Protein backbone atom coordinates (compact mmCIF):
# COMPACT_ATOMS: atom_id res chain seq x y z
CA MET A 1 119.34 126.98 73.24
CA THR A 2 119.37 130.22 75.28
CA ASP A 3 119.99 133.54 73.52
CA PRO A 4 123.36 134.82 74.84
CA ILE A 5 122.17 138.44 74.75
CA ASP A 6 119.31 137.60 77.12
CA VAL A 7 121.66 135.78 79.47
CA LEU A 8 124.24 138.59 79.44
CA ALA A 9 121.46 141.06 80.28
CA ALA A 10 120.34 138.80 83.13
CA PHE A 11 123.94 138.57 84.36
CA SER A 12 124.23 142.37 84.42
CA LYS A 13 121.17 142.41 86.70
CA LYS A 14 122.70 139.68 88.89
CA GLU A 15 119.84 137.34 88.00
CA VAL A 16 122.24 134.62 86.84
CA GLY A 17 125.85 133.78 87.63
CA VAL A 18 129.07 133.42 85.66
CA ASP A 19 128.43 129.75 84.89
CA ALA A 20 125.12 130.53 83.19
CA ALA A 21 126.73 133.30 81.16
CA MET A 22 129.65 131.13 80.05
CA ARG A 23 127.34 128.28 79.10
CA ALA A 24 125.18 130.58 76.95
CA LEU A 25 128.24 132.02 75.22
CA VAL A 26 129.87 128.67 74.52
CA GLN A 27 126.61 127.07 73.36
CA HIS A 28 126.01 129.90 70.88
CA ASP A 29 126.77 128.80 67.31
CA GLY A 30 126.47 132.13 65.49
CA TRP A 31 129.69 133.96 66.38
CA LEU A 32 131.41 136.50 64.14
CA VAL A 33 135.17 136.11 64.58
CA PRO A 34 138.20 137.81 62.94
CA ILE A 35 139.29 135.66 60.03
CA HIS A 36 142.87 135.23 61.25
CA ALA A 37 141.60 133.36 64.32
CA VAL A 38 140.14 130.50 62.30
CA ALA A 39 141.81 130.64 58.87
CA ASP A 40 144.72 128.59 57.57
CA MET A 41 147.01 131.13 55.93
CA GLN A 42 148.55 130.02 52.64
CA GLY A 43 150.96 131.61 50.19
CA GLY A 44 153.40 134.49 50.51
CA GLY A 45 152.22 137.28 52.77
CA GLY A 46 149.14 135.28 53.71
CA GLN A 47 147.19 136.60 50.75
CA HIS A 48 145.26 133.32 50.36
CA VAL A 49 143.18 131.89 53.15
CA ALA A 50 141.28 128.65 53.53
CA VAL A 51 138.30 129.01 55.83
CA ASP A 52 135.22 126.91 56.50
CA TYR A 53 132.86 129.78 57.41
CA PRO A 54 131.09 132.54 55.44
CA VAL A 55 133.32 135.62 55.09
CA VAL A 56 132.16 139.14 56.01
CA MET A 57 134.34 141.89 54.52
CA TYR A 58 134.43 145.24 56.28
CA ALA A 59 137.62 146.46 54.57
CA GLN A 60 140.21 145.09 52.15
CA ASN A 61 143.00 147.10 53.79
CA PHE A 62 142.80 146.88 57.53
CA SER A 63 144.75 147.10 60.78
CA MET A 64 143.07 144.73 63.20
CA PRO A 65 144.39 144.67 66.79
CA THR A 66 146.61 141.67 67.55
CA ASP A 67 146.34 141.80 71.34
CA LYS A 68 142.52 141.90 71.43
CA LEU A 69 140.04 139.52 69.86
CA LEU A 70 136.82 141.38 69.10
CA VAL A 71 133.96 138.93 68.57
CA PHE A 72 130.23 139.39 68.10
CA THR A 73 127.14 137.38 68.83
CA ASP A 74 125.41 138.49 65.60
CA ARG A 75 125.83 140.54 62.44
CA ALA A 76 123.92 143.57 63.72
CA ARG A 77 126.31 144.05 66.64
CA ALA A 78 129.33 143.53 64.40
CA ASP A 79 128.00 146.14 61.96
CA ALA A 80 127.52 148.55 64.87
CA ALA A 81 131.17 148.06 65.85
CA ALA A 82 132.33 148.73 62.27
CA ALA A 83 130.36 151.98 62.29
CA LYS A 84 131.80 153.01 65.66
CA PHE A 85 135.43 151.89 65.37
CA GLY A 86 135.89 152.18 61.60
CA HIS A 87 135.78 149.43 59.00
CA GLU A 88 139.59 149.22 58.86
CA VAL A 89 139.70 148.11 62.50
CA MET A 90 137.33 145.25 61.72
CA GLY A 91 138.76 144.07 58.41
CA LEU A 92 137.75 140.52 57.50
CA TYR A 93 135.44 138.43 59.67
CA VAL A 94 133.79 135.05 59.39
CA GLU A 95 130.36 134.24 60.76
CA LYS A 96 128.47 131.23 62.08
CA VAL A 97 131.44 130.07 64.16
CA PRO A 98 130.37 127.67 66.98
CA GLY A 99 131.18 128.75 70.51
CA THR A 100 132.90 125.42 71.12
CA VAL A 101 135.37 126.35 68.37
CA LEU A 102 135.85 129.99 69.38
CA PHE A 103 136.46 129.43 73.09
CA LYS A 104 138.78 126.47 72.49
CA LEU A 105 140.87 128.59 70.09
CA LEU A 106 141.74 131.02 72.88
CA GLU A 107 144.31 128.68 74.42
CA THR A 108 145.99 127.70 71.13
CA ALA A 109 149.35 128.87 69.78
CA LYS A 110 147.52 130.52 66.86
CA LEU A 111 146.23 133.21 69.26
CA ALA A 112 149.30 133.44 71.49
CA ALA A 113 149.45 137.23 71.06
CA VAL A 114 145.85 137.76 72.18
CA GLN A 115 145.58 139.11 75.71
CA GLU A 116 141.84 139.60 75.95
CA LEU A 117 138.56 138.57 74.35
CA ARG A 118 135.87 141.22 74.02
CA VAL A 119 132.30 140.28 73.17
CA ASN A 120 130.13 142.93 71.45
CA PRO A 121 132.48 145.81 72.40
CA ALA A 122 130.39 148.51 70.67
CA SER A 123 127.09 147.41 72.21
CA PRO A 124 125.47 148.50 75.49
CA GLN A 125 127.41 147.36 78.55
CA GLU A 126 124.85 144.74 79.51
CA GLN A 127 125.42 142.98 76.15
CA GLN A 128 129.21 142.79 76.51
CA TRP A 129 131.59 140.22 78.00
CA PHE A 130 135.31 140.26 78.73
CA ILE A 131 137.81 137.47 79.28
CA GLY A 132 141.46 138.20 80.06
CA ARG A 133 144.25 135.84 79.08
CA GLY A 134 144.20 134.31 82.56
CA GLY A 135 140.70 132.99 81.82
CA PHE A 136 141.49 131.38 78.45
CA VAL A 137 142.18 127.94 79.92
CA VAL A 138 138.83 127.99 81.75
CA SER A 139 137.17 129.05 78.49
CA GLY A 140 138.74 126.07 76.75
CA ALA A 141 137.44 123.81 79.50
CA TRP A 142 133.93 125.15 78.92
CA ALA A 143 134.29 124.45 75.20
CA ASP A 144 135.32 120.87 75.98
CA ALA A 145 132.38 120.46 78.37
CA VAL A 146 129.74 121.69 75.92
CA ALA A 147 131.25 119.65 73.08
CA LEU A 148 131.10 116.51 75.21
CA GLU A 149 127.54 117.24 76.35
CA ARG A 150 126.47 117.47 72.72
CA LYS A 151 127.96 114.06 72.07
CA LEU A 152 126.12 112.73 75.13
CA ALA A 153 122.87 114.04 73.64
CA ASP A 154 123.60 112.41 70.29
CA VAL A 155 125.25 109.12 71.08
CA ASP A 156 127.29 107.75 68.19
CA GLU A 157 130.45 105.77 67.66
CA SER A 158 132.65 108.74 68.60
CA LEU A 159 131.07 109.16 72.05
CA PHE A 160 133.25 106.79 74.01
CA GLY A 161 136.40 108.14 72.41
CA ALA A 162 135.39 111.62 73.56
CA LEU A 163 134.61 110.30 77.04
CA ASN A 164 137.99 108.59 77.27
CA ARG A 165 139.80 111.79 76.25
CA TYR A 166 137.85 114.14 78.52
CA GLU A 167 139.96 115.86 81.20
CA GLY A 168 137.46 118.14 82.94
CA TRP A 169 135.16 115.95 85.06
CA TRP A 170 133.62 117.29 88.27
CA VAL A 171 133.42 114.30 90.61
CA PRO A 172 131.57 114.48 93.97
CA ILE A 173 133.30 112.88 96.95
CA ALA A 174 132.36 112.57 100.61
CA LYS A 175 134.06 115.10 102.89
CA SER A 176 134.27 112.54 105.70
CA ASP A 177 136.46 109.93 103.99
CA ARG A 178 136.96 111.32 100.45
CA THR A 179 135.29 108.31 98.85
CA LEU A 180 133.31 108.61 95.63
CA VAL A 181 129.66 109.57 96.09
CA GLN A 182 127.46 106.83 94.68
CA LEU A 183 123.92 106.11 93.57
CA ASN A 184 122.42 102.66 93.97
CA LEU A 185 120.90 101.35 90.74
CA ASP A 186 119.41 97.98 89.81
CA HIS A 187 122.75 96.52 88.81
CA GLY A 188 124.58 97.96 91.81
CA PRO A 189 126.16 101.21 93.05
CA SER A 190 127.54 103.70 90.50
CA ALA A 191 129.87 106.69 90.77
CA LEU A 192 128.88 110.16 89.55
CA ALA A 193 130.67 112.60 87.26
CA PHE A 194 129.63 115.94 85.76
CA THR A 195 130.87 117.66 82.63
CA ALA A 196 130.84 121.24 83.94
CA PRO A 197 130.51 123.21 87.21
CA ASP A 198 126.89 124.20 86.66
CA GLN A 199 125.91 120.55 86.11
CA TYR A 200 127.61 119.71 89.39
CA GLN A 201 125.93 122.63 91.19
CA LYS A 202 122.52 121.52 89.88
CA PHE A 203 123.09 118.08 91.41
CA LEU A 204 124.34 119.64 94.65
CA HIS A 205 121.18 121.75 94.91
CA GLN A 206 119.04 118.63 94.51
CA MET A 207 120.91 116.96 97.37
CA GLY A 208 119.39 119.40 99.87
CA ASP A 209 120.84 119.14 103.39
CA ARG A 210 123.16 116.35 102.29
CA ALA A 211 125.05 118.75 100.04
CA SER A 212 127.10 119.95 103.01
CA GLN A 213 128.62 116.47 103.24
CA ILE A 214 129.99 116.59 99.67
CA GLU A 215 132.84 118.35 97.92
CA PRO A 216 134.04 118.17 94.30
CA LEU A 217 137.21 116.95 92.67
CA ALA A 218 137.47 119.36 89.73
CA GLY A 219 139.35 118.80 86.49
CA VAL A 220 139.62 115.01 86.76
CA ALA A 221 140.78 113.23 83.60
CA SER A 222 139.04 110.06 82.44
CA SER A 223 142.44 108.35 82.57
CA LYS A 224 142.36 108.81 86.36
CA LEU A 225 138.60 108.52 86.97
CA ILE A 226 138.01 105.13 85.33
CA PRO A 227 140.89 103.36 87.16
CA LEU A 228 139.64 104.93 90.40
CA ILE A 229 136.18 103.43 89.87
CA LEU A 230 137.68 100.08 88.95
CA SER A 231 139.62 100.07 92.21
CA THR A 232 136.32 100.11 94.16
CA GLN A 233 133.25 97.89 94.32
CA LEU A 234 131.28 100.37 92.19
CA GLN A 235 129.62 98.91 89.10
CA GLY A 236 129.30 101.92 86.81
CA LEU A 237 129.42 105.65 86.17
CA LEU A 238 126.52 108.10 85.79
CA VAL A 239 127.24 111.24 83.74
CA ASN A 240 125.31 114.46 84.55
CA ALA A 241 122.84 112.58 86.73
CA SER A 242 120.11 114.34 88.70
CA ILE A 243 118.00 113.42 91.72
CA PRO A 244 115.62 111.74 91.15
CA LEU A 245 117.48 110.04 88.34
CA LYS A 246 116.40 111.37 84.94
CA ARG A 247 116.56 109.40 81.73
CA GLU A 248 118.91 111.86 80.05
CA ALA A 249 121.74 110.85 82.39
CA LEU A 250 124.21 108.62 80.59
CA GLU A 251 124.95 105.35 82.37
CA ILE A 252 128.21 103.60 81.66
CA ILE A 253 128.84 100.12 83.03
CA VAL A 254 132.46 99.95 84.07
CA ALA A 255 134.03 96.54 83.58
CA SER A 256 137.64 95.47 83.79
């Protein structure tokens, strides 16, 4: 897994793009997050909380901002923020929050008042990140993509349920007739689908000159993709495939 600080620094130097930065942030599993973002409040005045992560207390009496979510990639950067902004601004945090949880929370009713996410706000500029409310839905889509990719890497009984519920596929189609791009395998031709934009772009790069003949359908739900494949003569679906075909691509035989 890539260190998000290294990727943010590379982004500041224009060595990587937004997709690489978002992937590193969402894949990071060591976030420090204000406790109200993840806790279930119980009892009068919310004095009791149930939380599944280790608690970090900066102050017992605090006045945390409600319109900004200040999050940190690690304890050292959170401590630096407490020293700079004051411990009362930080209040209670939890640590070791997965990025798939944090970035999915942004679009929930629990954080309806939050207008912006700030990553490492007290750190040097090249270690910071900002997402306005308009980007929260995209952040949630990234969380879904990484969560699904992790299930693809560790196939278990919950995999196909996650596949069936997924709503963010990137599906390559031919510009000429808008048919599904296909790969011919031993059992017959298969459609292609990718979990996230960078996975799609990786495939596009491998297509070379043929890439100009392809365009993506973005944000396709499985409930639409599977019936579309079944309406053709295609025999299956390849998830996150590469050229030449690598073994880590998941092959699903589609049968009515």
